[in-house]
Amino acid sequence: MRIIAGTYGGRRLRTLAGSMSRPTSDRLRETLFNILAPWIDGSRFLDICAGSGAVGIEALSRGAGEVTFIEHSRDACAVIEENLNALGVAGCATIQRRGAAATLKSLEQASKQFDIAFFDPPYSSEIYRHVMKQLGSGNLIAPGGVVVVEHRAKISPQPEYEKLHRFRELKQGESALAFFEFRASPD
């Protein structure tokens, strides 16, 4: 796996061994960041269920100001840390090694807000609705912020989660991306 564009474009990233991870493909990441381009510069980026950290590291490469990685796997966190250190960007990132729901609650209590959140849960996971509800609550995503969810192309997520409103869905092969905008007040 490699970084596609930006400051570190072309650099290789270490990935997790085995079939437990399902990394976002280079093609899907490229599409993702082409769409996110207007929001990325200087953004506070949240990478939930981060795996090897490729999406969050791509965000740093393309100009995000800081990235918070949420990943419960010890091995995955070690890979993220190794990738950040190899690029010399560890100072721009925080790795939270806990489950998504507990980490989001902790971030909310610390009054952290993010401009962009990328959520790539295991497709068979039960955490999807709970995490989306937390993200849509109004405390973690900055007004006008964006939440992107990677999901199976065959199953579209619901159009709203509290203050998150889906504005775009893009399908590529068996995967898809759903884009939600955070609206602090109704239109």
Protein backbone atom coordinates (compact mmCIF):
# COMPACT_ATOMS: atom_id res chain seq x y z
CA MET A 1 0.00 0.00 0.00
CA ARG A 2 1.22 3.49 -0.79
CA ILE A 3 0.36 7.13 -0.13
CA ILE A 4 -1.32 8.38 -3.27
CA ALA A 5 -0.67 12.14 -3.30
CA GLY A 6 0.50 15.14 -1.34
CA THR A 7 3.72 15.70 0.57
CA TYR A 8 4.41 11.98 1.03
CA GLY A 9 2.90 10.77 -2.25
CA GLY A 10 4.40 7.50 -3.50
CA ARG A 11 5.80 6.46 -0.11
CA ARG A 12 5.02 2.89 0.94
CA LEU A 13 3.05 2.11 4.08
CA ARG A 14 3.29 -1.00 6.17
CA THR A 15 0.01 -2.92 6.44
CA LEU A 16 -1.39 -5.55 8.74
CA ALA A 17 -0.70 -9.15 7.88
CA GLY A 18 -3.54 -11.59 7.45
CA SER A 19 -7.16 -11.34 6.48
CA MET A 20 -8.41 -9.56 9.60
CA SER A 21 -7.97 -6.15 7.98
CA ARG A 22 -9.73 -4.89 4.89
CA PRO A 23 -7.70 -1.87 3.77
CA THR A 24 -9.38 0.83 1.73
CA SER A 25 -8.12 0.37 -1.83
CA ASP A 26 -5.82 2.95 -3.44
CA ARG A 27 -8.51 3.72 -6.00
CA LEU A 28 -11.21 4.29 -3.38
CA ARG A 29 -8.84 6.43 -1.26
CA GLU A 30 -8.01 8.54 -4.30
CA THR A 31 -11.71 9.09 -5.00
CA LEU A 32 -12.34 9.86 -1.32
CA PHE A 33 -9.67 12.56 -1.20
CA ASN A 34 -10.66 14.08 -4.53
CA ILE A 35 -14.10 14.68 -3.02
CA LEU A 36 -12.71 15.85 0.37
CA ALA A 37 -10.24 18.32 -1.22
CA PRO A 38 -12.24 21.46 -0.24
CA TRP A 39 -12.28 20.42 3.43
CA ILE A 40 -8.83 18.92 3.96
CA ASP A 41 -6.35 21.81 4.32
CA GLY A 42 -5.58 22.36 8.01
CA SER A 43 -8.45 20.10 9.08
CA ARG A 44 -8.83 18.09 12.27
CA PHE A 45 -9.28 14.58 10.88
CA LEU A 46 -10.68 11.57 12.76
CA ASP A 47 -9.92 8.06 11.42
CA ILE A 48 -12.24 5.55 13.15
CA CYS A 49 -11.44 1.83 12.88
CA ALA A 50 -8.15 2.99 11.36
CA GLY A 51 -6.47 -0.35 10.59
CA SER A 52 -2.99 0.49 9.23
CA GLY A 53 -3.80 4.21 9.30
CA ALA A 54 -3.60 4.65 5.52
CA VAL A 55 -6.60 6.99 5.29
CA GLY A 56 -5.49 9.26 8.15
CA ILE A 57 -1.90 9.31 6.87
CA GLU A 58 -3.18 10.21 3.39
CA ALA A 59 -5.05 13.10 5.05
CA LEU A 60 -1.80 14.31 6.66
CA SER A 61 0.00 14.02 3.33
CA ARG A 62 -2.68 16.16 1.68
CA GLY A 63 -2.62 18.93 4.29
CA ALA A 64 -4.70 17.93 7.33
CA GLY A 65 -3.46 19.75 10.42
CA GLU A 66 -3.88 16.84 12.81
CA VAL A 67 -5.23 13.30 12.78
CA THR A 68 -6.66 11.20 15.58
CA PHE A 69 -6.63 7.46 14.91
CA ILE A 70 -9.07 5.16 16.74
CA GLU A 71 -8.18 1.48 16.60
CA HIS A 72 -8.68 -1.24 19.22
CA SER A 73 -6.11 -3.72 17.84
CA ARG A 74 -2.68 -3.55 19.49
CA ASP A 75 -1.03 -4.85 16.28
CA ALA A 76 -2.79 -2.26 14.12
CA CYS A 77 -1.78 0.56 16.48
CA ALA A 78 1.84 -0.60 16.26
CA VAL A 79 1.62 -0.45 12.44
CA ILE A 80 0.11 3.05 12.55
CA GLU A 81 2.86 4.22 14.90
CA GLU A 82 5.54 2.67 12.69
CA ASN A 83 4.09 4.36 9.58
CA LEU A 84 3.87 7.76 11.31
CA ASN A 85 7.44 7.49 12.59
CA ALA A 86 8.77 6.45 9.16
CA LEU A 87 7.28 9.62 7.68
CA GLY A 88 8.31 11.83 10.59
CA VAL A 89 4.73 12.99 11.28
CA ALA A 90 4.06 11.37 14.66
CA GLY A 91 3.79 14.85 16.22
CA CYS A 92 0.70 15.59 14.11
CA ALA A 93 -1.18 12.50 15.21
CA THR A 94 -2.74 10.82 18.22
CA ILE A 95 -3.43 7.10 18.39
CA GLN A 96 -6.29 5.97 20.65
CA ARG A 97 -6.07 2.22 21.32
CA ARG A 98 -9.59 1.48 22.50
CA GLY A 99 -12.97 0.67 21.06
CA ALA A 100 -14.66 3.33 18.95
CA ALA A 101 -17.64 4.02 21.22
CA ALA A 102 -15.56 4.47 24.39
CA THR A 103 -13.01 6.65 22.58
CA LEU A 104 -15.67 8.87 21.04
CA LYS A 105 -17.25 9.35 24.44
CA SER A 106 -13.86 10.31 25.89
CA LEU A 107 -13.16 12.74 23.03
CA GLU A 108 -16.59 14.29 23.50
CA GLN A 109 -15.96 14.76 27.23
CA ALA A 110 -12.65 16.46 26.36
CA SER A 111 -14.59 18.85 24.03
CA LYS A 112 -12.69 17.66 20.94
CA GLN A 113 -14.21 18.50 17.58
CA PHE A 114 -13.27 17.33 14.10
CA ASP A 115 -13.78 18.77 10.64
CA ILE A 116 -13.69 15.38 8.91
CA ALA A 117 -14.36 11.89 10.25
CA PHE A 118 -13.72 8.73 8.25
CA PHE A 119 -15.41 5.61 9.61
CA ASP A 120 -14.58 2.20 8.15
CA PRO A 121 -16.12 -0.37 10.49
CA PRO A 122 -15.78 -4.09 9.89
CA TYR A 123 -18.72 -4.85 7.61
CA SER A 124 -20.22 -7.35 10.05
CA SER A 125 -19.76 -5.06 13.05
CA GLU A 126 -22.51 -4.11 15.48
CA ILE A 127 -20.97 -0.70 16.26
CA TYR A 128 -22.16 1.12 13.14
CA ARG A 129 -25.42 2.67 14.41
CA HIS A 130 -24.00 3.55 17.82
CA VAL A 131 -20.97 5.34 16.34
CA MET A 132 -23.09 7.20 13.77
CA LYS A 133 -25.43 8.36 16.54
CA GLN A 134 -22.44 9.62 18.56
CA LEU A 135 -21.04 11.45 15.53
CA GLY A 136 -24.43 13.00 14.77
CA SER A 137 -25.05 14.14 18.34
CA GLY A 138 -23.64 17.59 17.77
CA ASN A 139 -20.55 17.47 19.95
CA LEU A 140 -17.78 15.78 17.94
CA ILE A 141 -18.17 17.13 14.40
CA ALA A 142 -17.70 20.85 13.78
CA PRO A 143 -20.55 22.70 12.03
CA GLY A 144 -20.17 22.15 8.28
CA GLY A 145 -17.96 19.14 8.96
CA VAL A 146 -18.10 15.93 6.97
CA VAL A 147 -18.42 12.28 8.01
CA VAL A 148 -17.56 9.61 5.45
CA VAL A 149 -18.53 5.99 5.96
CA GLU A 150 -17.13 3.10 3.97
CA HIS A 151 -19.70 0.32 3.60
CA ARG A 152 -20.84 -2.55 1.40
CA ALA A 153 -22.12 -1.25 -1.92
CA LYS A 154 -25.22 -3.48 -1.64
CA ILE A 155 -26.39 -1.86 1.61
CA SER A 156 -26.90 1.91 1.73
CA PRO A 157 -26.90 3.62 5.12
CA GLN A 158 -29.93 5.60 6.20
CA PRO A 159 -30.00 9.21 4.94
CA GLU A 160 -29.80 10.90 8.38
CA TYR A 161 -28.30 10.30 11.81
CA GLU A 162 -29.43 13.14 14.06
CA LYS A 163 -27.52 16.18 12.69
CA LEU A 164 -25.74 14.21 9.96
CA HIS A 165 -27.38 14.37 6.54
CA ARG A 166 -26.19 12.23 3.65
CA PHE A 167 -25.38 14.34 0.60
CA ARG A 168 -23.58 11.85 -1.61
CA GLU A 169 -22.97 8.15 -2.07
CA LEU A 170 -20.36 6.68 -4.37
CA LYS A 171 -20.01 2.99 -5.24
CA GLN A 172 -16.84 1.30 -6.52
CA GLY A 173 -16.98 -2.45 -6.89
CA GLU A 174 -18.14 -4.10 -3.67
CA SER A 175 -17.37 -1.03 -1.52
CA ALA A 176 -19.06 2.34 -1.29
CA LEU A 177 -18.59 5.67 0.43
CA ALA A 178 -21.47 7.60 2.01
CA PHE A 179 -20.81 11.30 2.68
CA PHE A 180 -22.68 13.07 5.47
CA GLU A 181 -22.64 16.78 6.25
CA PHE A 182 -23.01 17.96 9.82
CA ARG A 183 -25.71 20.61 10.15
CA ALA A 184 -25.83 22.35 13.51
CA SER A 185 -29.31 23.70 12.75
CA PRO A 186 -32.09 22.61 10.36
CA ASP A 187 -32.17 24.16 6.88
